[in-house]
Amino acid sequence: MHTHPTWDIFNANWADFRPNKRFAIYSVGTPQKPDDVVFDKETGLVWERNPAPAKTTWDAAIVQAYAKTVAGRKGWRIPTIEELLSLVDPARTNPTLPANHPFLNVKLDDFYWSCTLGMSSLPTFAWGYNFGNADTSNVLKTSPEYVWLVRGWFGHDYPF
């Protein structure tokens, strides 16, 4: 288990999320400020606490990630499908997130993009995950879907 995020904010104030100590929250302001971030101690990744509510295409999601500043930091990216699935508790349904998770406004009605390319018709599909019905599927990259950005470990070089 990781004890520190793979990136750090100078003099960061990470606080254990008491209902589920797998997670810690860094807040630059109030407890539910939109640019709060969550450190997953199991994976060492840092996630947006409050993913954007608007849907976008896969290409636009990449641009959004590159341009976004959250908690005063850049370097955000679309997660791999494995990283999205690392947030899933297979014993839970609708949402499939762990009990007492710290995330806000996670949408349950459609897919979240991953940067993992789909198995069919490269390069027109990418993998997506639905936290409501637990569907993992190839999604047409021109379809509007949700984006949940992550930071840490590695970037991804999109070949298409």
N, C-alpha and C. Protein backbone atom coordinates (compact mmCIF):
# COMPACT_ATOMS: atom_id res chain seq x y z
N MET A 1 0.84 -1.18 0.00
CA MET A 1 0.00 0.00 0.00
C MET A 1 0.89 1.24 0.00
N HIS A 2 0.53 2.21 -0.84
CA HIS A 2 1.25 3.46 -0.92
C HIS A 2 0.85 4.35 0.26
N THR A 3 1.82 5.09 0.78
CA THR A 3 1.50 5.99 1.89
C THR A 3 1.57 7.45 1.49
N HIS A 4 2.09 7.74 0.30
CA HIS A 4 2.19 9.11 -0.17
C HIS A 4 1.70 9.17 -1.61
N PRO A 5 1.09 10.28 -2.00
CA PRO A 5 0.69 10.38 -3.40
C PRO A 5 1.91 10.41 -4.30
N THR A 6 1.73 9.99 -5.54
CA THR A 6 2.85 9.99 -6.48
C THR A 6 3.23 11.41 -6.88
N TRP A 7 2.44 12.37 -6.56
CA TRP A 7 2.80 13.78 -6.70
C TRP A 7 2.41 14.44 -5.39
N ASP A 8 3.01 15.53 -5.10
CA ASP A 8 2.72 16.19 -3.84
C ASP A 8 2.53 17.68 -4.09
N ILE A 9 1.80 18.30 -3.23
CA ILE A 9 1.63 19.74 -3.26
C ILE A 9 2.42 20.27 -2.08
N PHE A 10 3.27 21.27 -2.32
CA PHE A 10 4.11 21.80 -1.26
C PHE A 10 3.26 22.13 -0.04
N ASN A 11 3.68 21.61 1.10
CA ASN A 11 2.95 21.79 2.36
C ASN A 11 1.49 21.35 2.27
N ALA A 12 1.26 20.27 1.55
CA ALA A 12 -0.11 19.77 1.36
C ALA A 12 -0.73 19.34 2.68
N ASN A 13 -2.02 19.51 2.74
CA ASN A 13 -2.77 19.11 3.92
C ASN A 13 -3.69 17.95 3.55
N TRP A 14 -3.13 16.74 3.46
CA TRP A 14 -3.91 15.55 3.15
C TRP A 14 -4.55 15.06 4.44
N ALA A 15 -5.85 14.86 4.40
CA ALA A 15 -6.57 14.39 5.58
C ALA A 15 -7.27 13.08 5.25
N ASP A 16 -7.09 12.08 6.10
CA ASP A 16 -7.80 10.82 5.90
C ASP A 16 -9.29 11.08 5.80
N PHE A 17 -9.93 10.40 4.86
CA PHE A 17 -11.37 10.48 4.75
C PHE A 17 -11.93 9.47 5.73
N ARG A 18 -12.42 9.93 6.85
CA ARG A 18 -12.79 9.08 7.99
C ARG A 18 -13.73 7.92 7.66
N PRO A 19 -14.75 8.10 6.83
CA PRO A 19 -15.59 6.93 6.57
C PRO A 19 -14.88 5.80 5.81
N ASN A 20 -13.84 6.13 5.03
CA ASN A 20 -13.11 5.11 4.28
C ASN A 20 -11.65 5.56 4.19
N LYS A 21 -10.82 5.03 5.06
CA LYS A 21 -9.43 5.49 5.17
C LYS A 21 -8.54 5.05 4.01
N ARG A 22 -9.12 4.36 3.03
CA ARG A 22 -8.36 4.09 1.81
C ARG A 22 -8.03 5.41 1.11
N PHE A 23 -8.84 6.44 1.35
CA PHE A 23 -8.73 7.71 0.66
C PHE A 23 -8.33 8.84 1.60
N ALA A 24 -7.60 9.80 1.04
CA ALA A 24 -7.29 11.05 1.75
C ALA A 24 -7.69 12.19 0.82
N ILE A 25 -8.08 13.31 1.43
CA ILE A 25 -8.54 14.46 0.65
C ILE A 25 -7.60 15.63 0.88
N TYR A 26 -7.28 16.31 -0.21
CA TYR A 26 -6.56 17.57 -0.12
C TYR A 26 -7.53 18.65 -0.53
N SER A 27 -7.78 19.55 0.33
CA SER A 27 -8.71 20.63 0.04
C SER A 27 -7.97 21.95 0.09
N VAL A 28 -8.11 22.72 -0.97
CA VAL A 28 -7.50 24.04 -0.98
C VAL A 28 -8.44 25.08 -0.40
N GLY A 29 -9.60 24.65 0.02
CA GLY A 29 -10.58 25.59 0.57
C GLY A 29 -11.57 24.87 1.46
N THR A 30 -12.82 25.03 1.16
CA THR A 30 -13.87 24.43 1.96
C THR A 30 -13.94 22.92 1.74
N PRO A 31 -14.60 22.18 2.62
CA PRO A 31 -14.62 20.72 2.51
C PRO A 31 -15.17 20.16 1.19
N GLN A 32 -16.00 20.89 0.49
CA GLN A 32 -16.54 20.37 -0.77
C GLN A 32 -16.31 21.32 -1.93
N LYS A 33 -15.18 21.97 -1.92
CA LYS A 33 -14.82 22.88 -3.01
C LYS A 33 -14.61 22.06 -4.28
N PRO A 34 -15.04 22.55 -5.44
CA PRO A 34 -14.95 21.77 -6.67
C PRO A 34 -13.54 21.33 -7.06
N ASP A 35 -12.50 22.03 -6.61
CA ASP A 35 -11.16 21.60 -7.00
C ASP A 35 -10.45 20.77 -5.94
N ASP A 36 -11.20 20.18 -5.03
CA ASP A 36 -10.62 19.21 -4.12
C ASP A 36 -10.13 18.00 -4.91
N VAL A 37 -9.14 17.33 -4.39
CA VAL A 37 -8.64 16.10 -5.00
C VAL A 37 -8.58 15.00 -3.96
N VAL A 38 -8.60 13.76 -4.44
CA VAL A 38 -8.61 12.59 -3.57
C VAL A 38 -7.39 11.74 -3.89
N PHE A 39 -6.66 11.39 -2.85
CA PHE A 39 -5.52 10.48 -2.96
C PHE A 39 -5.99 9.08 -2.60
N ASP A 40 -5.81 8.15 -3.53
CA ASP A 40 -6.14 6.75 -3.30
C ASP A 40 -4.88 6.06 -2.78
N LYS A 41 -4.86 5.74 -1.50
CA LYS A 41 -3.67 5.16 -0.88
C LYS A 41 -3.38 3.76 -1.39
N GLU A 42 -4.37 3.09 -1.94
CA GLU A 42 -4.16 1.75 -2.48
C GLU A 42 -3.37 1.77 -3.79
N THR A 43 -3.65 2.76 -4.64
CA THR A 43 -3.00 2.80 -5.96
C THR A 43 -1.94 3.89 -6.08
N GLY A 44 -1.97 4.88 -5.20
CA GLY A 44 -1.04 6.00 -5.29
C GLY A 44 -1.47 7.06 -6.28
N LEU A 45 -2.67 6.94 -6.83
CA LEU A 45 -3.18 7.91 -7.79
C LEU A 45 -3.95 9.02 -7.09
N VAL A 46 -4.00 10.18 -7.73
CA VAL A 46 -4.77 11.31 -7.24
C VAL A 46 -5.88 11.57 -8.26
N TRP A 47 -7.12 11.62 -7.77
CA TRP A 47 -8.30 11.78 -8.61
C TRP A 47 -8.98 13.12 -8.34
N GLU A 48 -9.67 13.64 -9.33
CA GLU A 48 -10.58 14.75 -9.08
C GLU A 48 -11.64 14.25 -8.10
N ARG A 49 -11.96 15.04 -7.11
CA ARG A 49 -13.01 14.63 -6.18
C ARG A 49 -14.38 14.81 -6.83
N ASN A 50 -14.49 15.79 -7.67
CA ASN A 50 -15.76 16.19 -8.27
C ASN A 50 -15.59 16.21 -9.79
N PRO A 51 -15.76 15.06 -10.46
CA PRO A 51 -15.57 15.04 -11.92
C PRO A 51 -16.51 16.01 -12.63
N ALA A 52 -16.08 16.48 -13.77
CA ALA A 52 -16.90 17.41 -14.56
C ALA A 52 -18.23 16.77 -14.93
N PRO A 53 -19.33 17.52 -14.83
CA PRO A 53 -20.65 16.94 -15.11
C PRO A 53 -21.00 16.88 -16.60
N ALA A 54 -20.26 17.59 -17.44
CA ALA A 54 -20.58 17.62 -18.87
C ALA A 54 -19.93 16.45 -19.60
N LYS A 55 -20.61 15.99 -20.63
CA LYS A 55 -20.07 14.93 -21.49
C LYS A 55 -19.28 15.56 -22.63
N THR A 56 -18.33 14.79 -23.14
CA THR A 56 -17.52 15.26 -24.25
C THR A 56 -17.02 14.06 -25.05
N THR A 57 -16.54 14.32 -26.25
CA THR A 57 -15.95 13.26 -27.05
C THR A 57 -14.58 12.89 -26.48
N TRP A 58 -14.04 11.78 -26.93
CA TRP A 58 -12.75 11.29 -26.45
C TRP A 58 -11.64 12.29 -26.76
N ASP A 59 -11.60 12.77 -28.00
CA ASP A 59 -10.55 13.74 -28.38
C ASP A 59 -10.65 15.02 -27.55
N ALA A 60 -11.87 15.51 -27.35
CA ALA A 60 -12.05 16.72 -26.55
C ALA A 60 -11.67 16.47 -25.09
N ALA A 61 -11.88 15.26 -24.61
CA ALA A 61 -11.50 14.91 -23.23
C ALA A 61 -9.99 15.00 -23.06
N ILE A 62 -9.24 14.59 -24.06
CA ILE A 62 -7.78 14.68 -23.99
C ILE A 62 -7.35 16.14 -23.91
N VAL A 63 -7.93 16.96 -24.75
CA VAL A 63 -7.61 18.40 -24.74
C VAL A 63 -7.99 19.00 -23.39
N GLN A 64 -9.16 18.63 -22.89
CA GLN A 64 -9.62 19.12 -21.58
C GLN A 64 -8.63 18.75 -20.48
N ALA A 65 -8.13 17.53 -20.51
CA ALA A 65 -7.18 17.08 -19.50
C ALA A 65 -5.90 17.90 -19.55
N TYR A 66 -5.39 18.15 -20.74
CA TYR A 66 -4.14 18.89 -20.89
C TYR A 66 -4.28 20.33 -20.43
N ALA A 67 -5.46 20.89 -20.59
CA ALA A 67 -5.68 22.30 -20.26
C ALA A 67 -6.10 22.52 -18.81
N LYS A 68 -6.54 21.49 -18.14
CA LYS A 68 -7.18 21.65 -16.83
C LYS A 68 -6.16 21.88 -15.70
N THR A 69 -6.56 22.74 -14.77
CA THR A 69 -5.83 22.94 -13.53
C THR A 69 -6.78 22.58 -12.40
N VAL A 70 -6.37 21.65 -11.56
CA VAL A 70 -7.17 21.25 -10.40
C VAL A 70 -6.24 21.29 -9.19
N ALA A 71 -6.71 21.87 -8.09
CA ALA A 71 -5.91 22.01 -6.87
C ALA A 71 -4.58 22.70 -7.16
N GLY A 72 -4.60 23.64 -8.10
CA GLY A 72 -3.40 24.39 -8.42
C GLY A 72 -2.36 23.62 -9.19
N ARG A 73 -2.75 22.46 -9.77
CA ARG A 73 -1.78 21.62 -10.49
C ARG A 73 -2.26 21.31 -11.89
N LYS A 74 -1.32 21.15 -12.79
CA LYS A 74 -1.58 20.66 -14.14
C LYS A 74 -1.08 19.22 -14.20
N GLY A 75 -1.08 18.63 -15.38
CA GLY A 75 -0.58 17.27 -15.53
C GLY A 75 -1.66 16.22 -15.38
N TRP A 76 -2.92 16.61 -15.54
CA TRP A 76 -4.04 15.67 -15.45
C TRP A 76 -4.17 14.91 -16.75
N ARG A 77 -4.78 13.73 -16.67
CA ARG A 77 -4.95 12.89 -17.86
C ARG A 77 -6.19 12.02 -17.70
N ILE A 78 -6.60 11.42 -18.80
CA ILE A 78 -7.68 10.44 -18.77
C ILE A 78 -7.07 9.15 -18.22
N PRO A 79 -7.73 8.47 -17.30
CA PRO A 79 -7.16 7.23 -16.75
C PRO A 79 -7.21 6.07 -17.74
N THR A 80 -6.39 5.08 -17.51
CA THR A 80 -6.50 3.83 -18.25
C THR A 80 -7.76 3.10 -17.76
N ILE A 81 -8.20 2.12 -18.50
CA ILE A 81 -9.37 1.36 -18.05
C ILE A 81 -9.06 0.63 -16.74
N GLU A 82 -7.83 0.18 -16.58
CA GLU A 82 -7.44 -0.49 -15.34
C GLU A 82 -7.52 0.45 -14.15
N GLU A 83 -7.13 1.72 -14.36
CA GLU A 83 -7.21 2.70 -13.28
C GLU A 83 -8.65 3.01 -12.92
N LEU A 84 -9.52 3.16 -13.91
CA LEU A 84 -10.95 3.35 -13.60
C LEU A 84 -11.48 2.17 -12.80
N LEU A 85 -11.13 0.96 -13.25
CA LEU A 85 -11.62 -0.25 -12.58
C LEU A 85 -11.03 -0.41 -11.18
N SER A 86 -9.90 0.23 -10.91
CA SER A 86 -9.32 0.14 -9.56
C SER A 86 -10.20 0.82 -8.52
N LEU A 87 -11.11 1.68 -8.97
CA LEU A 87 -12.05 2.35 -8.06
C LEU A 87 -13.30 1.50 -7.78
N VAL A 88 -13.46 0.41 -8.50
CA VAL A 88 -14.67 -0.40 -8.42
C VAL A 88 -14.61 -1.40 -7.29
N ASP A 89 -15.71 -1.52 -6.55
CA ASP A 89 -15.90 -2.59 -5.58
C ASP A 89 -16.88 -3.57 -6.23
N PRO A 90 -16.41 -4.74 -6.68
CA PRO A 90 -17.26 -5.67 -7.41
C PRO A 90 -18.47 -6.17 -6.61
N ALA A 91 -18.44 -6.01 -5.30
CA ALA A 91 -19.55 -6.45 -4.47
C ALA A 91 -20.67 -5.41 -4.41
N ARG A 92 -20.43 -4.24 -4.98
CA ARG A 92 -21.42 -3.15 -4.88
C ARG A 92 -22.04 -2.86 -6.23
N THR A 93 -23.26 -2.36 -6.19
CA THR A 93 -23.94 -1.95 -7.41
C THR A 93 -24.52 -0.56 -7.25
N ASN A 94 -24.56 0.15 -8.33
CA ASN A 94 -25.23 1.44 -8.48
C ASN A 94 -25.14 2.36 -7.26
N PRO A 95 -24.00 2.88 -6.89
CA PRO A 95 -22.77 2.89 -7.65
C PRO A 95 -21.87 1.70 -7.30
N THR A 96 -20.95 1.44 -8.20
CA THR A 96 -19.99 0.36 -7.97
C THR A 96 -18.74 0.86 -7.26
N LEU A 97 -18.78 2.08 -6.78
CA LEU A 97 -17.66 2.64 -6.01
C LEU A 97 -17.64 2.04 -4.61
N PRO A 98 -16.49 2.07 -3.93
CA PRO A 98 -16.41 1.52 -2.57
C PRO A 98 -17.38 2.22 -1.61
N ALA A 99 -17.82 1.51 -0.62
CA ALA A 99 -18.71 2.09 0.40
C ALA A 99 -18.04 3.30 1.03
N ASN A 100 -18.82 4.32 1.28
CA ASN A 100 -18.36 5.54 1.94
C ASN A 100 -17.20 6.22 1.21
N HIS A 101 -17.25 6.18 -0.11
CA HIS A 101 -16.22 6.84 -0.91
C HIS A 101 -16.34 8.36 -0.76
N PRO A 102 -15.27 9.11 -1.04
CA PRO A 102 -15.29 10.56 -0.86
C PRO A 102 -15.68 11.37 -2.10
N PHE A 103 -15.99 10.71 -3.20
CA PHE A 103 -16.21 11.42 -4.46
C PHE A 103 -17.59 12.07 -4.50
N LEU A 104 -17.68 13.17 -5.24
CA LEU A 104 -18.91 13.94 -5.35
C LEU A 104 -19.41 13.92 -6.79
N ASN A 105 -20.71 13.81 -6.95
CA ASN A 105 -21.37 13.98 -8.24
C ASN A 105 -20.89 13.03 -9.33
N VAL A 106 -20.54 11.79 -8.97
CA VAL A 106 -20.18 10.79 -9.97
C VAL A 106 -21.47 10.39 -10.69
N LYS A 107 -21.45 10.47 -11.99
CA LYS A 107 -22.62 10.15 -12.81
C LYS A 107 -22.75 8.64 -12.97
N LEU A 108 -23.99 8.15 -12.93
CA LEU A 108 -24.24 6.71 -12.97
C LEU A 108 -25.02 6.29 -14.21
N ASP A 109 -25.27 7.22 -15.13
CA ASP A 109 -26.14 6.92 -16.26
C ASP A 109 -25.42 6.66 -17.57
N ASP A 110 -24.08 6.73 -17.59
CA ASP A 110 -23.36 6.54 -18.84
C ASP A 110 -21.89 6.25 -18.53
N PHE A 111 -21.10 6.14 -19.58
CA PHE A 111 -19.70 5.76 -19.45
C PHE A 111 -18.81 6.93 -19.05
N TYR A 112 -17.68 6.58 -18.41
CA TYR A 112 -16.54 7.49 -18.23
C TYR A 112 -15.46 7.01 -19.18
N TRP A 113 -14.81 7.96 -19.85
CA TRP A 113 -13.76 7.63 -20.79
C TRP A 113 -12.53 7.05 -20.09
N SER A 114 -11.86 6.14 -20.79
CA SER A 114 -10.51 5.75 -20.43
C SER A 114 -9.63 6.09 -21.63
N CYS A 115 -8.33 6.09 -21.44
CA CYS A 115 -7.42 6.35 -22.55
C CYS A 115 -7.07 5.05 -23.27
N THR A 116 -7.60 3.92 -22.79
CA THR A 116 -7.31 2.62 -23.37
C THR A 116 -8.11 2.43 -24.65
N LEU A 117 -7.41 2.18 -25.74
CA LEU A 117 -8.09 2.02 -27.01
C LEU A 117 -8.91 0.74 -27.02
N GLY A 118 -10.03 0.77 -27.74
CA GLY A 118 -10.92 -0.37 -27.83
C GLY A 118 -10.36 -1.48 -28.70
N MET A 119 -10.98 -2.63 -28.59
CA MET A 119 -10.50 -3.80 -29.32
C MET A 119 -11.01 -3.85 -30.76
N SER A 120 -12.10 -3.14 -31.03
CA SER A 120 -12.67 -3.21 -32.38
C SER A 120 -12.45 -1.90 -33.11
N SER A 121 -12.21 -2.02 -34.38
CA SER A 121 -12.12 -0.87 -35.29
C SER A 121 -11.17 0.22 -34.79
N LEU A 122 -9.93 -0.16 -34.51
CA LEU A 122 -8.95 0.87 -34.15
C LEU A 122 -8.87 1.86 -35.29
N PRO A 123 -8.78 3.11 -35.10
CA PRO A 123 -8.70 3.81 -33.82
C PRO A 123 -10.01 4.47 -33.41
N THR A 124 -11.14 3.95 -33.77
CA THR A 124 -12.40 4.66 -33.56
C THR A 124 -13.08 4.36 -32.23
N PHE A 125 -12.58 3.43 -31.44
CA PHE A 125 -13.19 3.08 -30.16
C PHE A 125 -12.19 3.18 -29.02
N ALA A 126 -12.69 3.47 -27.83
CA ALA A 126 -11.89 3.44 -26.59
C ALA A 126 -12.75 2.79 -25.52
N TRP A 127 -12.10 2.21 -24.51
CA TRP A 127 -12.84 1.58 -23.42
C TRP A 127 -13.48 2.64 -22.52
N GLY A 128 -14.66 2.32 -22.04
CA GLY A 128 -15.35 3.16 -21.07
C GLY A 128 -15.91 2.30 -19.96
N TYR A 129 -16.23 2.93 -18.84
CA TYR A 129 -16.82 2.21 -17.71
C TYR A 129 -18.00 3.00 -17.16
N ASN A 130 -19.08 2.31 -16.83
CA ASN A 130 -20.28 2.90 -16.26
C ASN A 130 -20.36 2.51 -14.79
N PHE A 131 -20.25 3.49 -13.88
CA PHE A 131 -20.27 3.23 -12.44
C PHE A 131 -21.67 2.93 -11.91
N GLY A 132 -22.68 3.04 -12.76
CA GLY A 132 -24.04 2.71 -12.35
C GLY A 132 -24.36 1.25 -12.59
N ASN A 133 -24.19 0.79 -13.84
CA ASN A 133 -24.57 -0.59 -14.16
C ASN A 133 -23.37 -1.53 -14.34
N ALA A 134 -22.16 -1.07 -14.03
CA ALA A 134 -20.94 -1.89 -14.06
C ALA A 134 -20.58 -2.37 -15.46
N ASP A 135 -20.98 -1.63 -16.49
CA ASP A 135 -20.68 -2.02 -17.86
C ASP A 135 -19.30 -1.51 -18.25
N THR A 136 -18.47 -2.41 -18.73
CA THR A 136 -17.19 -2.07 -19.33
C THR A 136 -17.32 -2.37 -20.81
N SER A 137 -17.10 -1.39 -21.66
CA SER A 137 -17.39 -1.60 -23.07
C SER A 137 -16.54 -0.72 -23.97
N ASN A 138 -16.46 -1.13 -25.24
CA ASN A 138 -15.91 -0.27 -26.28
C ASN A 138 -16.91 0.82 -26.58
N VAL A 139 -16.44 2.04 -26.65
CA VAL A 139 -17.31 3.19 -26.90
C VAL A 139 -16.75 3.94 -28.10
N LEU A 140 -17.62 4.32 -29.01
CA LEU A 140 -17.22 5.10 -30.16
C LEU A 140 -16.66 6.44 -29.68
N LYS A 141 -15.45 6.79 -30.12
CA LYS A 141 -14.76 7.97 -29.59
C LYS A 141 -15.44 9.29 -29.92
N THR A 142 -16.37 9.29 -30.85
CA THR A 142 -17.11 10.51 -31.16
C THR A 142 -18.37 10.65 -30.30
N SER A 143 -18.66 9.64 -29.47
CA SER A 143 -19.82 9.71 -28.57
C SER A 143 -19.50 10.62 -27.40
N PRO A 144 -20.47 11.40 -26.95
CA PRO A 144 -20.22 12.21 -25.74
C PRO A 144 -20.35 11.34 -24.49
N GLU A 145 -19.30 11.33 -23.69
CA GLU A 145 -19.25 10.56 -22.44
C GLU A 145 -18.63 11.44 -21.36
N TYR A 146 -18.65 10.94 -20.13
CA TYR A 146 -18.10 11.68 -18.99
C TYR A 146 -16.59 11.54 -18.92
N VAL A 147 -15.96 12.49 -18.22
CA VAL A 147 -14.51 12.51 -18.06
C VAL A 147 -14.20 12.63 -16.57
N TRP A 148 -13.32 11.77 -16.06
CA TRP A 148 -12.87 11.81 -14.67
C TRP A 148 -11.35 11.76 -14.72
N LEU A 149 -10.73 12.87 -14.41
CA LEU A 149 -9.29 12.98 -14.59
C LEU A 149 -8.52 12.45 -13.38
N VAL A 150 -7.31 11.98 -13.69
CA VAL A 150 -6.42 11.40 -12.70
C VAL A 150 -5.04 12.00 -12.89
N ARG A 151 -4.23 11.88 -11.87
CA ARG A 151 -2.86 12.38 -11.93
C ARG A 151 -1.97 11.39 -11.21
N GLY A 152 -0.79 11.17 -11.76
CA GLY A 152 0.17 10.27 -11.13
C GLY A 152 0.57 9.12 -12.03
N TRP A 153 1.57 8.44 -11.63
CA TRP A 153 2.20 7.29 -12.27
C TRP A 153 2.69 7.61 -13.66
N PHE A 154 1.93 7.41 -14.68
CA PHE A 154 2.47 7.60 -16.02
C PHE A 154 1.49 8.35 -16.89
N GLY A 155 2.01 8.90 -17.95
CA GLY A 155 1.15 9.50 -18.95
C GLY A 155 0.84 8.45 -20.01
N HIS A 156 0.22 8.86 -21.07
CA HIS A 156 -0.13 7.93 -22.12
C HIS A 156 0.10 8.61 -23.45
N ASP A 157 0.77 7.93 -24.34
CA ASP A 157 1.00 8.46 -25.67
C ASP A 157 -0.08 7.87 -26.59
N TYR A 158 -0.98 8.69 -27.02
CA TYR A 158 -2.11 8.22 -27.83
C TYR A 158 -1.64 7.96 -29.24
N PRO A 159 -1.66 6.71 -29.72
CA PRO A 159 -1.13 6.40 -31.03
C PRO A 159 -2.04 6.79 -32.19
N PHE A 160 -3.29 7.15 -31.90
CA PHE A 160 -4.24 7.50 -32.97
C PHE A 160 -4.86 8.83 -32.69
